[in-house]
């Protein structure tokens, strides 16, 4: 395995990581922004107010997107093992 192939595998791993994490991070940022606006408007500065909705929404997102995430990751994992078998 030469350096170009190793860089391609590393690039693929980073892309898959970003692809899997992006939906959860985007939703978390949006929920945090909505709650921050709500807190600024009502002047309620409760620490747990930010965490509970994020946990609930991210749990729902994991239930909805979990199978897609596992399929994407397992396909990448299989590609890595195919590369190892070729060596």
PDB file of N, CA and C in Angstrom:
ATOM      1  N   UNK A   1       0.858  -1.174   0.000  1.00  0.00           N
ATOM      2  CA  UNK A   1       0.000   0.000   0.000  1.00  0.00           C
ATOM      3  C   UNK A   1       0.901   1.233   0.000  1.00  0.00           C
ATOM      4  N   UNK A   2       0.752   2.056  -1.005  1.00  0.00           N
ATOM      5  CA  UNK A   2       1.598   3.234  -1.091  1.00  0.00           C
ATOM      6  C   UNK A   2       0.961   4.423  -0.358  1.00  0.00           C
ATOM      7  N   UNK A   3       1.689   5.516  -0.372  1.00  0.00           N
ATOM      8  CA  UNK A   3       1.253   6.695   0.382  1.00  0.00           C
ATOM      9  C   UNK A   3      -0.044   7.293  -0.174  1.00  0.00           C
ATOM     10  N   UNK A   4      -0.235   7.237  -1.471  1.00  0.00           N
ATOM     11  CA  UNK A   4      -1.454   7.767  -2.077  1.00  0.00           C
ATOM     12  C   UNK A   4      -2.696   7.012  -1.632  1.00  0.00           C
ATOM     13  N   UNK A   5      -2.587   5.702  -1.553  1.00  0.00           N
ATOM     14  CA  UNK A   5      -3.719   4.900  -1.094  1.00  0.00           C
ATOM     15  C   UNK A   5      -4.021   5.157   0.377  1.00  0.00           C
ATOM     16  N   UNK A   6      -2.972   5.323   1.156  1.00  0.00           N
ATOM     17  CA  UNK A   6      -3.175   5.610   2.581  1.00  0.00           C
ATOM     18  C   UNK A   6      -3.869   6.959   2.769  1.00  0.00           C
ATOM     19  N   UNK A   7      -3.474   7.948   1.997  1.00  0.00           N
ATOM     20  CA  UNK A   7      -4.126   9.258   2.077  1.00  0.00           C
ATOM     21  C   UNK A   7      -5.578   9.176   1.621  1.00  0.00           C
ATOM     22  N   UNK A   8      -5.848   8.341   0.626  1.00  0.00           N
ATOM     23  CA  UNK A   8      -7.222   8.161   0.163  1.00  0.00           C
ATOM     24  C   UNK A   8      -8.087   7.507   1.247  1.00  0.00           C
ATOM     25  N   UNK A   9      -7.545   6.531   1.952  1.00  0.00           N
ATOM     26  CA  UNK A   9      -8.276   5.882   3.041  1.00  0.00           C
ATOM     27  C   UNK A   9      -8.527   6.887   4.164  1.00  0.00           C
ATOM     28  N   UNK A  10      -7.521   7.681   4.495  1.00  0.00           N
ATOM     29  CA  UNK A  10      -7.672   8.682   5.546  1.00  0.00           C
ATOM     30  C   UNK A  10      -8.707   9.733   5.157  1.00  0.00           C
ATOM     31  N   UNK A  11      -8.678  10.163   3.900  1.00  0.00           N
ATOM     32  CA  UNK A  11      -9.660  11.140   3.417  1.00  0.00           C
ATOM     33  C   UNK A  11     -11.066  10.556   3.476  1.00  0.00           C
ATOM     34  N   UNK A  12     -11.186   9.291   3.082  1.00  0.00           N
ATOM     35  CA  UNK A  12     -12.482   8.616   3.145  1.00  0.00           C
ATOM     36  C   UNK A  12     -12.987   8.514   4.575  1.00  0.00           C
ATOM     37  N   UNK A  13     -12.099   8.192   5.501  1.00  0.00           N
ATOM     38  CA  UNK A  13     -12.492   8.068   6.907  1.00  0.00           C
ATOM     39  C   UNK A  13     -12.981   9.407   7.448  1.00  0.00           C
ATOM     40  N   UNK A  14     -12.300  10.487   7.128  1.00  0.00           N
ATOM     41  CA  UNK A  14     -12.731  11.809   7.570  1.00  0.00           C
ATOM     42  C   UNK A  14     -14.080  12.183   6.953  1.00  0.00           C
ATOM     43  N   UNK A  15     -14.259  11.874   5.675  1.00  0.00           N
ATOM     44  CA  UNK A  15     -15.513  12.186   5.000  1.00  0.00           C
ATOM     45  C   UNK A  15     -16.667  11.414   5.630  1.00  0.00           C
ATOM     46  N   UNK A  16     -16.464  10.136   5.890  1.00  0.00           N
ATOM     47  CA  UNK A  16     -17.515   9.318   6.507  1.00  0.00           C
ATOM     48  C   UNK A  16     -17.830   9.834   7.906  1.00  0.00           C
ATOM     49  N   UNK A  17     -16.794  10.213   8.666  1.00  0.00           N
ATOM     50  CA  UNK A  17     -17.018  10.752  10.007  1.00  0.00           C
ATOM     51  C   UNK A  17     -17.840  12.032   9.985  1.00  0.00           C
ATOM     52  N   UNK A  18     -17.502  12.918   9.062  1.00  0.00           N
ATOM     53  CA  UNK A  18     -18.273  14.166   8.938  1.00  0.00           C
ATOM     54  C   UNK A  18     -19.690  13.894   8.451  1.00  0.00           C
ATOM     55  N   UNK A  19     -19.829  12.951   7.521  1.00  0.00           N
ATOM     56  CA  UNK A  19     -21.136  12.619   6.964  1.00  0.00           C
ATOM     57  C   UNK A  19     -22.055  12.029   8.032  1.00  0.00           C
ATOM     58  N   UNK A  20     -21.495  11.234   8.933  1.00  0.00           N
ATOM     59  CA  UNK A  20     -22.292  10.619   9.991  1.00  0.00           C
ATOM     60  C   UNK A  20     -22.616  11.634  11.093  1.00  0.00           C
ATOM     61  N   UNK A  21     -21.660  12.482  11.435  1.00  0.00           N
ATOM     62  CA  UNK A  21     -21.850  13.416  12.544  1.00  0.00           C
ATOM     63  C   UNK A  21     -22.628  14.676  12.162  1.00  0.00           C
ATOM     64  N   UNK A  22     -22.609  15.045  10.902  1.00  0.00           N
ATOM     65  CA  UNK A  22     -23.206  16.321  10.479  1.00  0.00           C
ATOM     66  C   UNK A  22     -24.681  16.483  10.844  1.00  0.00           C
ATOM     67  N   UNK A  23     -25.550  15.506  10.585  1.00  0.00           N
ATOM     68  CA  UNK A  23     -26.965  15.732  10.922  1.00  0.00           C
ATOM     69  C   UNK A  23     -27.183  15.984  12.414  1.00  0.00           C
ATOM     70  N   UNK A  24     -26.490  15.242  13.257  1.00  0.00           N
ATOM     71  CA  UNK A  24     -26.648  15.427  14.700  1.00  0.00           C
ATOM     72  C   UNK A  24     -26.108  16.780  15.154  1.00  0.00           C
ATOM     73  N   UNK A  25     -24.968  17.178  14.614  1.00  0.00           N
ATOM     74  CA  UNK A  25     -24.388  18.460  15.004  1.00  0.00           C
ATOM     75  C   UNK A  25     -25.236  19.635  14.527  1.00  0.00           C
ATOM     76  N   UNK A  26     -25.747  19.546  13.324  1.00  0.00           N
ATOM     77  CA  UNK A  26     -26.572  20.637  12.794  1.00  0.00           C
ATOM     78  C   UNK A  26     -27.846  20.794  13.610  1.00  0.00           C
ATOM     79  N   UNK A  27     -28.496  19.680  13.917  1.00  0.00           N
ATOM     80  CA  UNK A  27     -29.723  19.743  14.716  1.00  0.00           C
ATOM     81  C   UNK A  27     -29.426  20.269  16.111  1.00  0.00           C
ATOM     82  N   UNK A  28     -28.307  19.855  16.688  1.00  0.00           N
ATOM     83  CA  UNK A  28     -27.927  20.327  18.020  1.00  0.00           C
ATOM     84  C   UNK A  28     -27.685  21.836  18.030  1.00  0.00           C
ATOM     85  N   UNK A  29     -27.044  22.342  17.001  1.00  0.00           N
ATOM     86  CA  UNK A  29     -26.796  23.779  16.900  1.00  0.00           C
ATOM     87  C   UNK A  29     -28.109  24.549  16.745  1.00  0.00           C
ATOM     88  N   UNK A  30     -29.000  24.028  15.911  1.00  0.00           N
ATOM     89  CA  UNK A  30     -30.284  24.705  15.694  1.00  0.00           C
ATOM     90  C   UNK A  30     -31.109  24.734  16.980  1.00  0.00           C
ATOM     91  N   UNK A  31     -31.178  23.613  17.689  1.00  0.00           N
ATOM     92  CA  UNK A  31     -31.920  23.561  18.951  1.00  0.00           C
ATOM     93  C   UNK A  31     -31.290  24.507  19.972  1.00  0.00           C
ATOM     94  N   UNK A  32     -29.972  24.511  20.046  1.00  0.00           N
ATOM     95  CA  UNK A  32     -29.287  25.426  20.972  1.00  0.00           C
ATOM     96  C   UNK A  32     -29.563  26.881  20.659  1.00  0.00           C
ATOM     97  N   UNK A  33     -29.597  27.226  19.376  1.00  0.00           N
ATOM     98  CA  UNK A  33     -29.884  28.601  18.975  1.00  0.00           C
ATOM     99  C   UNK A  33     -31.318  28.993  19.322  1.00  0.00           C
ATOM    100  N   UNK A  34     -32.260  28.094  19.080  1.00  0.00           N
ATOM    101  CA  UNK A  34     -33.661  28.376  19.416  1.00  0.00           C
ATOM    102  C   UNK A  34     -33.819  28.579  20.920  1.00  0.00           C
ATOM    103  N   UNK A  35     -33.186  27.738  21.705  1.00  0.00           N
ATOM    104  CA  UNK A  35     -33.291  27.857  23.164  1.00  0.00           C
ATOM    105  C   UNK A  35     -32.585  29.118  23.655  1.00  0.00           C
ATOM    106  N   UNK A  36     -31.469  29.475  23.040  1.00  0.00           N
ATOM    107  CA  UNK A  36     -30.773  30.702  23.436  1.00  0.00           C
ATOM    108  C   UNK A  36     -31.636  31.933  23.157  1.00  0.00           C
ATOM    109  N   UNK A  37     -32.321  31.940  22.022  1.00  0.00           N
ATOM    110  CA  UNK A  37     -33.216  33.055  21.710  1.00  0.00           C
ATOM    111  C   UNK A  37     -34.367  33.099  22.709  1.00  0.00           C
ATOM    112  N   UNK A  38     -34.925  31.927  23.031  1.00  0.00           N
ATOM    113  CA  UNK A  38     -35.998  31.853  24.025  1.00  0.00           C
ATOM    114  C   UNK A  38     -35.527  32.358  25.388  1.00  0.00           C
ATOM    115  N   UNK A  39     -34.325  31.958  25.796  1.00  0.00           N
ATOM    116  CA  UNK A  39     -33.790  32.408  27.088  1.00  0.00           C
ATOM    117  C   UNK A  39     -33.541  33.910  27.089  1.00  0.00           C
ATOM    118  N   UNK A  40     -33.059  34.445  25.993  1.00  0.00           N
ATOM    119  CA  UNK A  40     -32.814  35.883  25.922  1.00  0.00           C
ATOM    120  C   UNK A  40     -34.128  36.665  25.948  1.00  0.00           C
ATOM    121  N   UNK A  41     -35.155  36.123  25.316  1.00  0.00           N
ATOM    122  CA  UNK A  41     -36.435  36.820  25.263  1.00  0.00           C
ATOM    123  C   UNK A  41     -37.171  36.780  26.604  1.00  0.00           C
ATOM    124  N   UNK A  42     -37.057  35.657  27.302  1.00  0.00           N
ATOM    125  CA  UNK A  42     -37.805  35.516  28.560  1.00  0.00           C
ATOM    126  C   UNK A  42     -36.954  35.782  29.794  1.00  0.00           C
ATOM    127  N   UNK A  43     -35.656  35.912  29.608  1.00  0.00           N
ATOM    128  CA  UNK A  43     -34.694  36.108  30.694  1.00  0.00           C
ATOM    129  C   UNK A  43     -34.736  34.965  31.708  1.00  0.00           C
ATOM    130  N   UNK A  44     -35.038  33.774  31.228  1.00  0.00           N
ATOM    131  CA  UNK A  44     -34.938  32.560  32.048  1.00  0.00           C
ATOM    132  C   UNK A  44     -33.583  31.938  31.734  1.00  0.00           C
ATOM    133  N   UNK A  45     -32.712  31.901  32.717  1.00  0.00           N
ATOM    134  CA  UNK A  45     -31.362  31.387  32.494  1.00  0.00           C
ATOM    135  C   UNK A  45     -31.134  30.126  33.320  1.00  0.00           C
ATOM    136  N   UNK A  46     -31.931  29.130  33.044  1.00  0.00           N
ATOM    137  CA  UNK A  46     -31.810  27.841  33.717  1.00  0.00           C
ATOM    138  C   UNK A  46     -30.835  26.965  32.928  1.00  0.00           C
ATOM    139  N   UNK A  47     -29.864  26.370  33.609  1.00  0.00           N
ATOM    140  CA  UNK A  47     -28.846  25.563  32.933  1.00  0.00           C
ATOM    141  C   UNK A  47     -29.431  24.323  32.263  1.00  0.00           C
ATOM    142  N   UNK A  48     -30.389  23.679  32.930  1.00  0.00           N
ATOM    143  CA  UNK A  48     -30.930  22.433  32.384  1.00  0.00           C
ATOM    144  C   UNK A  48     -31.869  22.671  31.210  1.00  0.00           C
ATOM    145  N   UNK A  49     -32.294  23.888  31.012  1.00  0.00           N
ATOM    146  CA  UNK A  49     -33.212  24.191  29.914  1.00  0.00           C
ATOM    147  C   UNK A  49     -32.564  23.920  28.557  1.00  0.00           C
ATOM    148  N   UNK A  50     -31.266  24.047  28.465  1.00  0.00           N
ATOM    149  CA  UNK A  50     -30.593  23.796  27.190  1.00  0.00           C
ATOM    150  C   UNK A  50     -30.333  22.310  26.958  1.00  0.00           C
ATOM    151  N   UNK A  51     -30.099  21.557  28.012  1.00  0.00           N
ATOM    152  CA  UNK A  51     -29.702  20.168  27.852  1.00  0.00           C
ATOM    153  C   UNK A  51     -30.863  19.226  27.573  1.00  0.00           C
ATOM    154  N   UNK A  52     -31.965  19.395  28.250  1.00  0.00           N
ATOM    155  CA  UNK A  52     -33.085  18.451  28.120  1.00  0.00           C
ATOM    156  C   UNK A  52     -33.641  18.417  26.694  1.00  0.00           C
ATOM    157  N   UNK A  53     -33.957  19.543  26.066  1.00  0.00           N
ATOM    158  CA  UNK A  53     -34.459  19.460  24.675  1.00  0.00           C
ATOM    159  C   UNK A  53     -33.421  18.884  23.707  1.00  0.00           C
ATOM    160  N   UNK A  54     -32.142  19.219  23.906  1.00  0.00           N
ATOM    161  CA  UNK A  54     -31.105  18.674  23.034  1.00  0.00           C
ATOM    162  C   UNK A  54     -31.028  17.165  23.164  1.00  0.00           C
ATOM    163  N   UNK A  55     -31.074  16.671  24.389  1.00  0.00           N
ATOM    164  CA  UNK A  55     -31.004  15.225  24.602  1.00  0.00           C
ATOM    165  C   UNK A  55     -32.201  14.538  23.961  1.00  0.00           C
ATOM    166  N   UNK A  56     -33.382  15.101  24.137  1.00  0.00           N
ATOM    167  CA  UNK A  56     -34.577  14.496  23.554  1.00  0.00           C
ATOM    168  C   UNK A  56     -34.527  14.479  22.023  1.00  0.00           C
ATOM    169  N   UNK A  57     -34.162  15.604  21.439  1.00  0.00           N
ATOM    170  CA  UNK A  57     -34.136  15.690  19.973  1.00  0.00           C
ATOM    171  C   UNK A  57     -33.017  14.823  19.406  1.00  0.00           C
ATOM    172  N   UNK A  58     -31.851  14.815  20.043  1.00  0.00           N
ATOM    173  CA  UNK A  58     -30.761  13.978  19.546  1.00  0.00           C
ATOM    174  C   UNK A  58     -31.078  12.491  19.705  1.00  0.00           C
ATOM    175  N   UNK A  59     -31.786  12.124  20.756  1.00  0.00           N
ATOM    176  CA  UNK A  59     -32.211  10.732  20.915  1.00  0.00           C
ATOM    177  C   UNK A  59     -33.168  10.340  19.796  1.00  0.00           C
ATOM    178  N   UNK A  60     -34.090  11.228  19.477  1.00  0.00           N
ATOM    179  CA  UNK A  60     -35.014  10.976  18.375  1.00  0.00           C
ATOM    180  C   UNK A  60     -34.268  10.872  17.047  1.00  0.00           C
ATOM    181  N   UNK A  61     -33.300  11.755  16.834  1.00  0.00           N
ATOM    182  CA  UNK A  61     -32.504  11.717  15.607  1.00  0.00           C
ATOM    183  C   UNK A  61     -31.726  10.411  15.503  1.00  0.00           C
ATOM    184  N   UNK A  62     -31.167   9.945  16.623  1.00  0.00           N
ATOM    185  CA  UNK A  62     -30.443   8.679  16.601  1.00  0.00           C
ATOM    186  C   UNK A  62     -31.365   7.510  16.283  1.00  0.00           C
ATOM    187  N   UNK A  63     -32.583   7.554  16.792  1.00  0.00           N
ATOM    188  CA  UNK A  63     -33.542   6.502  16.462  1.00  0.00           C
ATOM    189  C   UNK A  63     -33.903   6.517  14.981  1.00  0.00           C
ATOM    190  N   UNK A  64     -34.061   7.710  14.427  1.00  0.00           N
ATOM    191  CA  UNK A  64     -34.453   7.829  13.025  1.00  0.00           C
ATOM    192  C   UNK A  64     -33.278   7.524  12.088  1.00  0.00           C
ATOM    193  N   UNK A  65     -32.103   8.069  12.385  1.00  0.00           N
ATOM    194  CA  UNK A  65     -30.952   7.948  11.484  1.00  0.00           C
ATOM    195  C   UNK A  65     -29.962   6.860  11.876  1.00  0.00           C
ATOM    196  N   UNK A  66     -30.236   6.143  12.946  1.00  0.00           N
ATOM    197  CA  UNK A  66     -29.277   5.146  13.438  1.00  0.00           C
ATOM    198  C   UNK A  66     -28.960   4.052  12.441  1.00  0.00           C
ATOM    199  N   UNK A  67     -29.971   3.545  11.762  1.00  0.00           N
ATOM    200  CA  UNK A  67     -29.724   2.466  10.796  1.00  0.00           C
ATOM    201  C   UNK A  67     -28.904   2.969   9.607  1.00  0.00           C
ATOM    202  N   UNK A  68     -29.191   4.193   9.153  1.00  0.00           N
ATOM    203  CA  UNK A  68     -28.399   4.773   8.063  1.00  0.00           C
ATOM    204  C   UNK A  68     -26.941   4.965   8.492  1.00  0.00           C
ATOM    205  N   UNK A  69     -26.739   5.433   9.718  1.00  0.00           N
ATOM    206  CA  UNK A  69     -25.377   5.644  10.218  1.00  0.00           C
ATOM    207  C   UNK A  69     -24.610   4.321  10.289  1.00  0.00           C
ATOM    208  N   UNK A  70     -25.268   3.290  10.815  1.00  0.00           N
ATOM    209  CA  UNK A  70     -24.604   1.991  10.926  1.00  0.00           C
ATOM    210  C   UNK A  70     -24.328   1.386   9.550  1.00  0.00           C
ATOM    211  N   UNK A  71     -25.236   1.550   8.608  1.00  0.00           N
ATOM    212  CA  UNK A  71     -25.026   1.034   7.255  1.00  0.00           C
ATOM    213  C   UNK A  71     -23.848   1.733   6.598  1.00  0.00           C
ATOM    214  N   UNK A  72     -23.784   3.053   6.726  1.00  0.00           N
ATOM    215  CA  UNK A  72     -22.682   3.826   6.147  1.00  0.00           C
ATOM    216  C   UNK A  72     -21.353   3.408   6.757  1.00  0.00           C
ATOM    217  N   UNK A  73     -21.328   3.267   8.075  1.00  0.00           N
ATOM    218  CA  UNK A  73     -20.091   2.896   8.744  1.00  0.00           C
ATOM    219  C   UNK A  73     -19.678   1.466   8.410  1.00  0.00           C
ATOM    220  N   UNK A  74     -20.623   0.548   8.341  1.00  0.00           N
ATOM    221  CA  UNK A  74     -20.270  -0.843   8.042  1.00  0.00           C
ATOM    222  C   UNK A  74     -19.791  -1.000   6.601  1.00  0.00           C
ATOM    223  N   UNK A  75     -20.360  -0.228   5.660  1.00  0.00           N
ATOM    224  CA  UNK A  75     -19.862  -0.253   4.286  1.00  0.00           C
ATOM    225  C   UNK A  75     -18.420   0.227   4.223  1.00  0.00           C
ATOM    226  N   UNK A  76     -18.109   1.289   4.948  1.00  0.00           N
ATOM    227  CA  UNK A  76     -16.727   1.778   4.992  1.00  0.00           C
ATOM    228  C   UNK A  76     -15.816   0.738   5.627  1.00  0.00           C
ATOM    229  N   UNK A  77     -16.283   0.112   6.698  1.00  0.00           N
ATOM    230  CA  UNK A  77     -15.510  -0.907   7.390  1.00  0.00           C
ATOM    231  C   UNK A  77     -15.214  -2.078   6.458  1.00  0.00           C
ATOM    232  N   UNK A  78     -16.205  -2.488   5.665  1.00  0.00           N
ATOM    233  CA  UNK A  78     -16.002  -3.576   4.708  1.00  0.00           C
ATOM    234  C   UNK A  78     -14.995  -3.185   3.630  1.00  0.00           C
ATOM    235  N   UNK A  79     -15.030  -1.928   3.178  1.00  0.00           N
ATOM    236  CA  UNK A  79     -14.049  -1.464   2.192  1.00  0.00           C
ATOM    237  C   UNK A  79     -12.632  -1.520   2.754  1.00  0.00           C
ATOM    238  N   UNK A  80     -12.489  -1.165   4.024  1.00  0.00           N
ATOM    239  CA  UNK A  80     -11.165  -1.207   4.661  1.00  0.00           C
ATOM    240  C   UNK A  80     -10.665  -2.649   4.713  1.00  0.00           C
ATOM    241  N   UNK A  81     -11.540  -3.587   5.092  1.00  0.00           N
ATOM    242  CA  UNK A  81     -11.116  -4.983   5.154  1.00  0.00           C
ATOM    243  C   UNK A  81     -10.818  -5.552   3.777  1.00  0.00           C
ATOM    244  N   UNK A  82     -11.523  -5.098   2.747  1.00  0.00           N
ATOM    245  CA  UNK A  82     -11.190  -5.525   1.382  1.00  0.00           C
ATOM    246  C   UNK A  82      -9.809  -5.018   0.981  1.00  0.00           C
ATOM    247  N   UNK A  83      -9.483  -3.786   1.368  1.00  0.00           N
ATOM    248  CA  UNK A  83      -8.147  -3.258   1.095  1.00  0.00           C
ATOM    249  C   UNK A  83      -7.077  -4.054   1.832  1.00  0.00           C
ATOM    250  N   UNK A  84      -7.369  -4.427   3.074  1.00  0.00           N
ATOM    251  CA  UNK A  84      -6.404  -5.210   3.852  1.00  0.00           C
ATOM    252  C   UNK A  84      -6.205  -6.587   3.222  1.00  0.00           C
ATOM    253  N   UNK A  85      -7.280  -7.178   2.719  1.00  0.00           N
ATOM    254  CA  UNK A  85      -7.187  -8.497   2.085  1.00  0.00           C
ATOM    255  C   UNK A  85      -6.359  -8.439   0.792  1.00  0.00           C
ATOM    256  N   UNK A  86      -6.394  -7.316   0.082  1.00  0.00           N
ATOM    257  CA  UNK A  86      -5.622  -7.177  -1.153  1.00  0.00           C
ATOM    258  C   UNK A  86      -4.134  -7.065  -0.880  1.00  0.00           C
ATOM    259  N   UNK A  87      -3.780  -6.619   0.313  1.00  0.00           N
ATOM    260  CA  UNK A  87      -2.355  -6.448   0.647  1.00  0.00           C
ATOM    261  C   UNK A  87      -1.798  -7.787   0.951  1.00  0.00           C
TER     262      UNK A  87
END
